[in-house]
Structure formats: C-alpha cells, structure tokens
Amino acid sequence: MTWQATDPHVATALRNEIPGVREAVRLAPYCAYGVGGPAEFLVEADSTGALCHAALVGRQLGLPTTVLGQATNVLVADTGLRGLVILTRNREELLDGELLVCGAGAVLQETIAGLADRGMAGLEFAGNIPGSVGGAVVGNAGAYGRAVGDALVAVEVLMEGETVT
C-alpha cells in the first residue's frame, strides 16, 4: 500500500463498531476482472441495515468509504483502496403486486430471472447485464435502447447519514 495507514485509534474504533470488518483484504477475488490490491478495511454488508451502519461509522470516523456491489464495472488499482470498502451483499427482495423492492446487493441477472419465472416483464432487456441491482441503478444500466431507469418507481439512497427516497 502506498497510502498513509489509518490512525490506530480509528482502526480500533472501526473494529469495535462494525462486526466482521477485516483488514488488508485483496479485492481481486471480489472484482469481475480479477484484479485489485487490498482494501485497508473490508466489510460484507448482508443487510440494508448493516450497509447503512457501516457507511455511517466510516463517515463518523472520517474514513474514505467505497461501496462496491459485484464490482463488474470497476478496476481497482494494485495499490488498493484506503479506508473502508463495503461490499453490498444485502440481497433482500420483496415482491408486492407488480412492485419489486430489493437491496442494492441483489444480483441483477438473478433478480430478473426470478421476475421472469413469475411471469413478470419489463426488465428482460437487462437480463444479460452482469452486476448488482444497486450498480445497475447507479449506472442506469441498459441495452437495446432501454435502461433500468425506465422501470424505476423510486430509489432509497443513503446521503449524509440519512436515507432519502
């Protein structure tokens, strides 16, 4: 790592506040292209609450914070990423009539296949796009003249420590 390591007191506070946080974890196995140096700190957030908590703690501690989904559209330098890297693994899905509510970590292809299995249409154009639902929303992923944003009703995001719709 070529960057200045985080203050040991901040590192201790991070370990105390976020269960399962790991240090100096190579990101290559988590990235689609199989490249990437270490994350100074890494946590896999398996729920939306855990994702929000980790992001809030990182912010409160003044750490650079990077959120990655399936990492299909990023290249991480061999020098890695300083601060906290949060992997979205919150794959909750709730189908309410024709409205799907899901976590940012839901795998896009699996989500679309599940909808198709239920006879629902509208996102099939994105069925071969790799990545997470969160990444598809952030990048407004699209194909064949359509984009994910065409099917969105609302998005809940974390901004400045608050969730905003």
N, C-alpha and C. Protein backbone atom coordinates (compact mmCIF):
# COMPACT_ATOMS: atom_id res chain seq x y z
N MET A 1 0.84 -1.17 0.00
CA MET A 1 0.00 0.00 0.00
C MET A 1 0.89 1.23 0.00
N THR A 2 0.56 2.19 -0.83
CA THR A 2 1.38 3.39 -0.91
C THR A 2 0.77 4.55 -0.15
N TRP A 3 -0.41 4.39 0.43
CA TRP A 3 -1.04 5.48 1.15
C TRP A 3 -0.76 5.36 2.64
N GLN A 4 -0.97 6.45 3.34
CA GLN A 4 -0.76 6.50 4.79
C GLN A 4 -1.81 5.65 5.48
N ALA A 5 -1.38 4.75 6.35
CA ALA A 5 -2.32 3.89 7.07
C ALA A 5 -3.17 4.72 8.02
N THR A 6 -4.38 4.24 8.27
CA THR A 6 -5.31 4.91 9.17
C THR A 6 -4.77 4.90 10.59
N ASP A 7 -5.05 5.96 11.31
CA ASP A 7 -4.67 6.09 12.72
C ASP A 7 -5.12 4.83 13.48
N PRO A 8 -4.25 4.25 14.30
CA PRO A 8 -4.60 3.02 15.03
C PRO A 8 -5.84 3.16 15.92
N HIS A 9 -6.08 4.35 16.46
CA HIS A 9 -7.27 4.56 17.30
C HIS A 9 -8.54 4.48 16.45
N VAL A 10 -8.47 5.02 15.25
CA VAL A 10 -9.61 4.95 14.33
C VAL A 10 -9.84 3.50 13.92
N ALA A 11 -8.75 2.79 13.65
CA ALA A 11 -8.87 1.38 13.26
C ALA A 11 -9.52 0.57 14.37
N THR A 12 -9.14 0.82 15.61
CA THR A 12 -9.73 0.11 16.75
C THR A 12 -11.21 0.43 16.87
N ALA A 13 -11.56 1.70 16.72
CA ALA A 13 -12.97 2.10 16.80
C ALA A 13 -13.78 1.42 15.69
N LEU A 14 -13.21 1.33 14.50
CA LEU A 14 -13.89 0.69 13.38
C LEU A 14 -14.14 -0.79 13.68
N ARG A 15 -13.12 -1.47 14.18
CA ARG A 15 -13.28 -2.89 14.53
C ARG A 15 -14.32 -3.09 15.62
N ASN A 16 -14.41 -2.15 16.55
CA ASN A 16 -15.38 -2.26 17.64
C ASN A 16 -16.81 -1.99 17.17
N GLU A 17 -16.96 -1.14 16.17
CA GLU A 17 -18.29 -0.70 15.72
C GLU A 17 -18.90 -1.56 14.62
N ILE A 18 -18.05 -2.20 13.82
CA ILE A 18 -18.56 -2.96 12.67
C ILE A 18 -18.15 -4.43 12.81
N PRO A 19 -19.10 -5.29 13.15
CA PRO A 19 -18.79 -6.72 13.25
C PRO A 19 -18.31 -7.27 11.91
N GLY A 20 -17.29 -8.09 11.95
CA GLY A 20 -16.83 -8.76 10.74
C GLY A 20 -15.91 -7.95 9.85
N VAL A 21 -15.53 -6.75 10.27
CA VAL A 21 -14.62 -5.96 9.44
C VAL A 21 -13.26 -6.65 9.41
N ARG A 22 -12.66 -6.69 8.22
CA ARG A 22 -11.36 -7.33 8.05
C ARG A 22 -10.36 -6.30 7.52
N GLU A 23 -9.09 -6.58 7.71
CA GLU A 23 -8.05 -5.64 7.30
C GLU A 23 -7.17 -6.22 6.20
N ALA A 24 -6.69 -5.34 5.32
CA ALA A 24 -5.74 -5.69 4.26
C ALA A 24 -6.22 -6.89 3.44
N VAL A 25 -7.45 -6.80 2.95
CA VAL A 25 -8.05 -7.89 2.16
C VAL A 25 -7.90 -7.58 0.68
N ARG A 26 -7.30 -8.50 -0.06
CA ARG A 26 -7.17 -8.33 -1.51
C ARG A 26 -8.56 -8.24 -2.14
N LEU A 27 -8.75 -7.27 -3.02
CA LEU A 27 -10.04 -7.08 -3.66
C LEU A 27 -10.20 -7.88 -4.94
N ALA A 28 -9.11 -8.37 -5.50
CA ALA A 28 -9.17 -9.10 -6.77
C ALA A 28 -10.23 -10.21 -6.77
N PRO A 29 -10.35 -11.03 -5.73
CA PRO A 29 -11.36 -12.09 -5.76
C PRO A 29 -12.81 -11.57 -5.78
N TYR A 30 -13.00 -10.32 -5.43
CA TYR A 30 -14.34 -9.74 -5.38
C TYR A 30 -14.67 -8.95 -6.64
N CYS A 31 -13.70 -8.78 -7.52
CA CYS A 31 -13.88 -7.98 -8.73
C CYS A 31 -14.00 -8.87 -9.96
N ALA A 32 -14.89 -8.52 -10.86
CA ALA A 32 -15.15 -9.33 -12.04
C ALA A 32 -13.90 -9.54 -12.90
N TYR A 33 -13.03 -8.54 -12.95
CA TYR A 33 -11.83 -8.66 -13.78
C TYR A 33 -10.70 -9.37 -13.05
N GLY A 34 -10.89 -9.71 -11.79
CA GLY A 34 -9.89 -10.46 -11.04
C GLY A 34 -8.63 -9.69 -10.72
N VAL A 35 -8.72 -8.37 -10.72
CA VAL A 35 -7.56 -7.55 -10.36
C VAL A 35 -7.95 -6.62 -9.23
N GLY A 36 -6.96 -6.17 -8.50
CA GLY A 36 -7.22 -5.20 -7.45
C GLY A 36 -6.41 -5.49 -6.20
N GLY A 37 -5.76 -4.46 -5.72
CA GLY A 37 -4.98 -4.57 -4.50
C GLY A 37 -5.87 -4.64 -3.27
N PRO A 38 -5.28 -4.43 -2.11
CA PRO A 38 -6.02 -4.62 -0.86
C PRO A 38 -6.91 -3.45 -0.48
N ALA A 39 -7.99 -3.80 0.19
CA ALA A 39 -8.80 -2.80 0.89
C ALA A 39 -8.17 -2.66 2.26
N GLU A 40 -7.99 -1.44 2.71
CA GLU A 40 -7.44 -1.25 4.06
C GLU A 40 -8.35 -1.93 5.07
N PHE A 41 -9.66 -1.68 4.93
CA PHE A 41 -10.67 -2.35 5.75
C PHE A 41 -11.79 -2.80 4.82
N LEU A 42 -12.34 -3.97 5.08
CA LEU A 42 -13.40 -4.52 4.23
C LEU A 42 -14.49 -5.12 5.09
N VAL A 43 -15.73 -4.84 4.72
CA VAL A 43 -16.87 -5.48 5.38
C VAL A 43 -17.87 -5.88 4.31
N GLU A 44 -18.47 -7.05 4.48
CA GLU A 44 -19.53 -7.50 3.60
C GLU A 44 -20.84 -7.26 4.33
N ALA A 45 -21.62 -6.31 3.83
CA ALA A 45 -22.89 -5.93 4.47
C ALA A 45 -24.00 -6.81 3.92
N ASP A 46 -24.52 -7.70 4.77
CA ASP A 46 -25.52 -8.66 4.31
C ASP A 46 -26.96 -8.20 4.52
N SER A 47 -27.14 -6.98 4.97
CA SER A 47 -28.48 -6.41 5.08
C SER A 47 -28.38 -4.92 4.81
N THR A 48 -29.51 -4.33 4.48
CA THR A 48 -29.52 -2.89 4.23
C THR A 48 -29.14 -2.14 5.50
N GLY A 49 -29.59 -2.63 6.65
CA GLY A 49 -29.22 -2.01 7.92
C GLY A 49 -27.72 -2.05 8.15
N ALA A 50 -27.09 -3.20 7.86
CA ALA A 50 -25.64 -3.32 8.03
C ALA A 50 -24.90 -2.40 7.07
N LEU A 51 -25.41 -2.27 5.86
CA LEU A 51 -24.80 -1.37 4.87
C LEU A 51 -24.86 0.08 5.36
N CYS A 52 -26.02 0.50 5.81
CA CYS A 52 -26.18 1.87 6.31
C CYS A 52 -25.31 2.11 7.54
N HIS A 53 -25.27 1.13 8.44
CA HIS A 53 -24.47 1.27 9.66
C HIS A 53 -22.98 1.41 9.32
N ALA A 54 -22.49 0.55 8.44
CA ALA A 54 -21.07 0.60 8.07
C ALA A 54 -20.73 1.94 7.42
N ALA A 55 -21.58 2.41 6.52
CA ALA A 55 -21.33 3.69 5.86
C ALA A 55 -21.33 4.84 6.86
N LEU A 56 -22.25 4.79 7.80
CA LEU A 56 -22.34 5.84 8.82
C LEU A 56 -21.11 5.83 9.72
N VAL A 57 -20.68 4.65 10.15
CA VAL A 57 -19.49 4.55 11.00
C VAL A 57 -18.26 5.06 10.25
N GLY A 58 -18.11 4.65 9.00
CA GLY A 58 -16.98 5.14 8.19
C GLY A 58 -16.98 6.65 8.11
N ARG A 59 -18.14 7.22 7.89
CA ARG A 59 -18.27 8.68 7.80
C ARG A 59 -17.92 9.34 9.14
N GLN A 60 -18.47 8.79 10.23
CA GLN A 60 -18.21 9.37 11.55
C GLN A 60 -16.73 9.32 11.92
N LEU A 61 -16.04 8.28 11.45
CA LEU A 61 -14.61 8.15 11.75
C LEU A 61 -13.73 8.89 10.74
N GLY A 62 -14.35 9.51 9.76
CA GLY A 62 -13.60 10.28 8.77
C GLY A 62 -12.83 9.43 7.78
N LEU A 63 -13.27 8.19 7.58
CA LEU A 63 -12.58 7.29 6.66
C LEU A 63 -13.11 7.45 5.24
N PRO A 64 -12.23 7.43 4.25
CA PRO A 64 -12.73 7.31 2.88
C PRO A 64 -13.53 6.02 2.80
N THR A 65 -14.70 6.07 2.21
CA THR A 65 -15.57 4.89 2.15
C THR A 65 -15.96 4.63 0.70
N THR A 66 -15.77 3.39 0.28
CA THR A 66 -16.11 2.97 -1.08
C THR A 66 -17.12 1.84 -0.98
N VAL A 67 -18.21 1.97 -1.71
CA VAL A 67 -19.24 0.92 -1.74
C VAL A 67 -19.15 0.21 -3.08
N LEU A 68 -19.03 -1.11 -3.04
CA LEU A 68 -18.96 -1.92 -4.25
C LEU A 68 -20.04 -2.99 -4.21
N GLY A 69 -20.65 -3.25 -5.36
CA GLY A 69 -21.61 -4.33 -5.47
C GLY A 69 -20.89 -5.59 -5.94
N GLN A 70 -21.17 -6.01 -7.15
CA GLN A 70 -20.49 -7.17 -7.73
C GLN A 70 -19.17 -6.78 -8.38
N ALA A 71 -18.87 -5.49 -8.40
CA ALA A 71 -17.62 -4.95 -8.95
C ALA A 71 -17.38 -5.42 -10.39
N THR A 72 -18.45 -5.34 -11.20
CA THR A 72 -18.33 -5.75 -12.60
C THR A 72 -17.95 -4.60 -13.52
N ASN A 73 -17.99 -3.39 -13.01
CA ASN A 73 -17.72 -2.23 -13.85
C ASN A 73 -16.66 -1.32 -13.23
N VAL A 74 -15.75 -1.93 -12.46
CA VAL A 74 -14.69 -1.16 -11.82
C VAL A 74 -13.36 -1.88 -11.96
N LEU A 75 -12.32 -1.10 -11.97
CA LEU A 75 -10.96 -1.62 -11.89
C LEU A 75 -10.33 -1.01 -10.65
N VAL A 76 -9.82 -1.85 -9.77
CA VAL A 76 -9.17 -1.38 -8.56
C VAL A 76 -7.66 -1.47 -8.79
N ALA A 77 -6.97 -0.39 -8.48
CA ALA A 77 -5.52 -0.34 -8.67
C ALA A 77 -4.82 -1.38 -7.81
N ASP A 78 -3.64 -1.79 -8.23
CA ASP A 78 -2.84 -2.74 -7.45
C ASP A 78 -2.49 -2.18 -6.08
N THR A 79 -2.48 -0.85 -5.96
CA THR A 79 -2.18 -0.23 -4.66
C THR A 79 -3.35 -0.35 -3.69
N GLY A 80 -4.52 -0.72 -4.20
CA GLY A 80 -5.67 -0.94 -3.34
C GLY A 80 -6.45 0.32 -3.03
N LEU A 81 -7.31 0.20 -2.02
CA LEU A 81 -8.17 1.31 -1.62
C LEU A 81 -7.97 1.61 -0.14
N ARG A 82 -7.71 2.86 0.15
CA ARG A 82 -7.56 3.30 1.53
C ARG A 82 -8.94 3.44 2.16
N GLY A 83 -9.01 3.23 3.45
CA GLY A 83 -10.26 3.42 4.18
C GLY A 83 -11.11 2.16 4.19
N LEU A 84 -12.41 2.38 4.22
CA LEU A 84 -13.37 1.29 4.36
C LEU A 84 -14.01 0.97 3.02
N VAL A 85 -13.97 -0.31 2.65
CA VAL A 85 -14.68 -0.79 1.47
C VAL A 85 -15.85 -1.63 1.97
N ILE A 86 -17.04 -1.28 1.50
CA ILE A 86 -18.25 -2.01 1.88
C ILE A 86 -18.75 -2.76 0.65
N LEU A 87 -18.85 -4.08 0.77
CA LEU A 87 -19.41 -4.89 -0.31
C LEU A 87 -20.89 -5.08 -0.03
N THR A 88 -21.73 -4.69 -0.98
CA THR A 88 -23.18 -4.84 -0.79
C THR A 88 -23.56 -6.29 -1.01
N ARG A 89 -24.00 -6.91 0.03
CA ARG A 89 -24.47 -8.30 -0.04
C ARG A 89 -25.90 -8.38 0.48
N ASN A 90 -26.55 -7.22 0.55
CA ASN A 90 -27.95 -7.14 1.00
C ASN A 90 -28.85 -7.49 -0.18
N ARG A 91 -29.26 -8.72 -0.22
CA ARG A 91 -30.00 -9.23 -1.38
C ARG A 91 -31.48 -9.42 -1.10
N GLU A 92 -32.00 -8.71 -0.10
CA GLU A 92 -33.42 -8.83 0.21
C GLU A 92 -34.26 -8.49 -1.01
N GLU A 93 -35.32 -9.23 -1.19
CA GLU A 93 -36.27 -8.94 -2.26
C GLU A 93 -37.68 -9.14 -1.73
N LEU A 94 -38.54 -8.18 -2.04
CA LEU A 94 -39.94 -8.26 -1.65
C LEU A 94 -40.77 -7.87 -2.86
N LEU A 95 -41.62 -8.78 -3.29
CA LEU A 95 -42.50 -8.50 -4.42
C LEU A 95 -43.88 -8.19 -3.88
N ASP A 96 -44.34 -6.98 -4.15
CA ASP A 96 -45.65 -6.52 -3.69
C ASP A 96 -46.48 -6.19 -4.92
N GLY A 97 -47.27 -7.16 -5.37
CA GLY A 97 -48.01 -6.98 -6.61
C GLY A 97 -47.04 -6.90 -7.77
N GLU A 98 -47.02 -5.77 -8.45
CA GLU A 98 -46.09 -5.58 -9.56
C GLU A 98 -44.89 -4.73 -9.17
N LEU A 99 -44.74 -4.46 -7.89
CA LEU A 99 -43.64 -3.63 -7.39
C LEU A 99 -42.61 -4.51 -6.70
N LEU A 100 -41.37 -4.42 -7.15
CA LEU A 100 -40.27 -5.16 -6.54
C LEU A 100 -39.44 -4.19 -5.71
N VAL A 101 -39.22 -4.55 -4.46
CA VAL A 101 -38.34 -3.79 -3.58
C VAL A 101 -37.18 -4.72 -3.27
N CYS A 102 -35.95 -4.26 -3.53
CA CYS A 102 -34.81 -5.14 -3.27
C CYS A 102 -33.60 -4.34 -2.82
N GLY A 103 -32.68 -5.06 -2.19
CA GLY A 103 -31.45 -4.45 -1.71
C GLY A 103 -30.48 -4.20 -2.84
N ALA A 104 -29.57 -3.27 -2.62
CA ALA A 104 -28.57 -2.92 -3.63
C ALA A 104 -27.69 -4.10 -4.01
N GLY A 105 -27.52 -5.05 -3.11
CA GLY A 105 -26.65 -6.18 -3.37
C GLY A 105 -27.29 -7.32 -4.13
N ALA A 106 -28.58 -7.21 -4.44
CA ALA A 106 -29.24 -8.26 -5.22
C ALA A 106 -28.54 -8.39 -6.57
N VAL A 107 -28.33 -9.62 -7.01
CA VAL A 107 -27.66 -9.86 -8.29
C VAL A 107 -28.67 -9.61 -9.41
N LEU A 108 -28.35 -8.68 -10.30
CA LEU A 108 -29.29 -8.24 -11.33
C LEU A 108 -29.82 -9.40 -12.17
N GLN A 109 -28.95 -10.25 -12.68
CA GLN A 109 -29.39 -11.35 -13.54
C GLN A 109 -30.32 -12.30 -12.79
N GLU A 110 -30.02 -12.60 -11.53
CA GLU A 110 -30.87 -13.49 -10.73
C GLU A 110 -32.22 -12.84 -10.45
N THR A 111 -32.20 -11.55 -10.17
CA THR A 111 -33.44 -10.83 -9.88
C THR A 111 -34.35 -10.83 -11.10
N ILE A 112 -33.78 -10.55 -12.26
CA ILE A 112 -34.58 -10.51 -13.50
C ILE A 112 -35.10 -11.91 -13.84
N ALA A 113 -34.27 -12.93 -13.65
CA ALA A 113 -34.72 -14.31 -13.91
C ALA A 113 -35.87 -14.68 -12.98
N GLY A 114 -35.77 -14.27 -11.72
CA GLY A 114 -36.85 -14.54 -10.76
C GLY A 114 -38.15 -13.87 -11.16
N LEU A 115 -38.05 -12.65 -11.66
CA LEU A 115 -39.25 -11.95 -12.13
C LEU A 115 -39.85 -12.67 -13.34
N ALA A 116 -38.99 -13.09 -14.26
CA ALA A 116 -39.47 -13.80 -15.45
C ALA A 116 -40.15 -15.11 -15.06
N ASP A 117 -39.60 -15.81 -14.06
CA ASP A 117 -40.21 -17.05 -13.59
C ASP A 117 -41.62 -16.81 -13.05
N ARG A 118 -41.87 -15.60 -12.57
CA ARG A 118 -43.20 -15.25 -12.04
C ARG A 118 -44.10 -14.66 -13.14
N GLY A 119 -43.59 -14.65 -14.37
CA GLY A 119 -44.38 -14.14 -15.49
C GLY A 119 -44.37 -12.63 -15.59
N MET A 120 -43.41 -11.98 -14.95
CA MET A 120 -43.35 -10.52 -14.97
C MET A 120 -42.32 -10.07 -16.00
N ALA A 121 -42.64 -8.99 -16.69
CA ALA A 121 -41.76 -8.48 -17.75
C ALA A 121 -41.45 -7.01 -17.50
N GLY A 122 -40.51 -6.51 -18.27
CA GLY A 122 -40.17 -5.10 -18.20
C GLY A 122 -38.68 -4.85 -18.05
N LEU A 123 -37.97 -5.83 -17.50
CA LEU A 123 -36.52 -5.68 -17.34
C LEU A 123 -35.73 -6.72 -18.12
N GLU A 124 -36.42 -7.49 -18.95
CA GLU A 124 -35.73 -8.57 -19.66
C GLU A 124 -34.58 -8.07 -20.54
N PHE A 125 -34.62 -6.83 -20.99
CA PHE A 125 -33.53 -6.26 -21.79
C PHE A 125 -32.21 -6.28 -21.02
N ALA A 126 -32.29 -6.27 -19.69
CA ALA A 126 -31.09 -6.23 -18.85
C ALA A 126 -30.70 -7.60 -18.33
N GLY A 127 -31.32 -8.64 -18.83
CA GLY A 127 -31.10 -9.98 -18.32
C GLY A 127 -29.69 -10.51 -18.45
N ASN A 128 -28.90 -9.95 -19.35
CA ASN A 128 -27.52 -10.41 -19.51
C ASN A 128 -26.50 -9.40 -19.01
N ILE A 129 -26.96 -8.37 -18.34
CA ILE A 129 -26.03 -7.37 -17.80
C ILE A 129 -25.53 -7.87 -16.45
N PRO A 130 -24.22 -8.03 -16.30
CA PRO A 130 -23.69 -8.51 -15.02
C PRO A 130 -23.73 -7.41 -13.96
N GLY A 131 -23.73 -7.83 -12.72
CA GLY A 131 -23.62 -6.86 -11.63
C GLY A 131 -24.78 -6.93 -10.67
N SER A 132 -24.81 -5.94 -9.80
CA SER A 132 -25.84 -5.87 -8.76
C SER A 132 -26.93 -4.89 -9.17
N VAL A 133 -28.07 -5.01 -8.51
CA VAL A 133 -29.16 -4.07 -8.76
C VAL A 133 -28.71 -2.65 -8.42
N GLY A 134 -28.00 -2.50 -7.30
CA GLY A 134 -27.52 -1.17 -6.92
C GLY A 134 -26.61 -0.56 -7.98
N GLY A 135 -25.71 -1.35 -8.51
CA GLY A 135 -24.82 -0.87 -9.56
C GLY A 135 -25.58 -0.52 -10.83
N ALA A 136 -26.60 -1.33 -11.15
CA ALA A 136 -27.41 -1.07 -12.34
C ALA A 136 -28.19 0.24 -12.18
N VAL A 137 -28.65 0.51 -10.98
CA VAL A 137 -29.38 1.76 -10.73
C VAL A 137 -28.43 2.95 -10.80
N VAL A 138 -27.29 2.85 -10.12
CA VAL A 138 -26.33 3.96 -10.12
C VAL A 138 -25.86 4.28 -11.53
N GLY A 139 -25.58 3.25 -12.32
CA GLY A 139 -25.09 3.45 -13.69
C GLY A 139 -26.18 3.52 -14.73
N ASN A 140 -27.45 3.41 -14.31
CA ASN A 140 -28.58 3.36 -15.23
C ASN A 140 -28.29 2.39 -16.38
N ALA A 141 -27.94 1.16 -16.00
CA ALA A 141 -27.56 0.13 -16.96
C ALA A 141 -28.65 -0.06 -18.00
N GLY A 142 -28.23 -0.33 -19.21
CA GLY A 142 -29.21 -0.52 -20.26
C GLY A 142 -28.69 -1.30 -21.44
N ALA A 143 -29.63 -1.69 -22.29
CA ALA A 143 -29.33 -2.41 -23.52
C ALA A 143 -30.55 -2.30 -24.42
N TYR A 144 -30.32 -2.41 -25.72
CA TYR A 144 -31.40 -2.43 -26.70
C TYR A 144 -32.30 -1.20 -26.61
N GLY A 145 -31.70 -0.05 -26.31
CA GLY A 145 -32.47 1.19 -26.27
C GLY A 145 -33.29 1.40 -25.01
N ARG A 146 -33.13 0.55 -24.02
CA ARG A 146 -33.86 0.68 -22.76
C ARG A 146 -32.84 0.78 -21.63
N ALA A 147 -33.27 1.32 -20.50
CA ALA A 147 -32.40 1.45 -19.34
C ALA A 147 -33.18 1.13 -18.07
N VAL A 148 -32.46 0.75 -17.04
CA VAL A 148 -33.08 0.39 -15.77
C VAL A 148 -33.95 1.53 -15.26
N GLY A 149 -33.50 2.76 -15.46
CA GLY A 149 -34.27 3.92 -15.00
C GLY A 149 -35.67 3.98 -15.58
N ASP A 150 -35.88 3.34 -16.74
CA ASP A 150 -37.22 3.32 -17.35
C ASP A 150 -38.22 2.56 -16.49
N ALA A 151 -37.73 1.64 -15.67
CA ALA A 151 -38.61 0.79 -14.87
C ALA A 151 -38.65 1.18 -13.39
N LEU A 152 -37.86 2.17 -13.01
CA LEU A 152 -37.80 2.56 -11.60
C LEU A 152 -39.01 3.39 -11.18
N VAL A 153 -39.49 3.10 -9.98
CA VAL A 153 -40.54 3.91 -9.38
C VAL A 153 -39.91 4.84 -8.35
N ALA A 154 -39.01 4.29 -7.53
CA ALA A 154 -38.32 5.09 -6.50
C ALA A 154 -37.03 4.39 -6.12
N VAL A 155 -36.10 5.17 -5.60
CA VAL A 155 -34.83 4.65 -5.11
C VAL A 155 -34.58 5.26 -3.75
N GLU A 156 -34.18 4.42 -2.81
CA GLU A 156 -33.81 4.92 -1.49
C GLU A 156 -32.29 4.91 -1.41
N VAL A 157 -31.70 6.06 -1.10
CA VAL A 157 -30.25 6.18 -1.04
C VAL A 157 -29.83 6.72 0.32
N LEU A 158 -28.58 6.46 0.66
CA LEU A 158 -28.01 6.98 1.89
C LEU A 158 -27.19 8.21 1.54
N MET A 159 -27.60 9.36 2.09
CA MET A 159 -26.89 10.61 1.84
C MET A 159 -26.69 11.33 3.16
N GLU A 160 -25.45 11.70 3.42
CA GLU A 160 -25.14 12.45 4.64
C GLU A 160 -25.67 11.75 5.89
N GLY A 161 -25.63 10.42 5.90
CA GLY A 161 -26.06 9.66 7.06
C GLY A 161 -27.56 9.45 7.17
N GLU A 162 -28.31 9.93 6.20
CA GLU A 162 -29.78 9.79 6.21
C GLU A 162 -30.23 9.05 4.96
N THR A 163 -31.29 8.25 5.08
CA THR A 163 -31.85 7.63 3.89
C THR A 163 -32.85 8.60 3.27
N VAL A 164 -32.75 8.75 1.96
CA VAL A 164 -33.58 9.68 1.20
C VAL A 164 -34.21 8.91 0.05
N THR A 165 -35.50 9.13 -0.20
CA THR A 165 -36.17 8.47 -1.31
C THR A 165 -36.27 9.42 -2.49
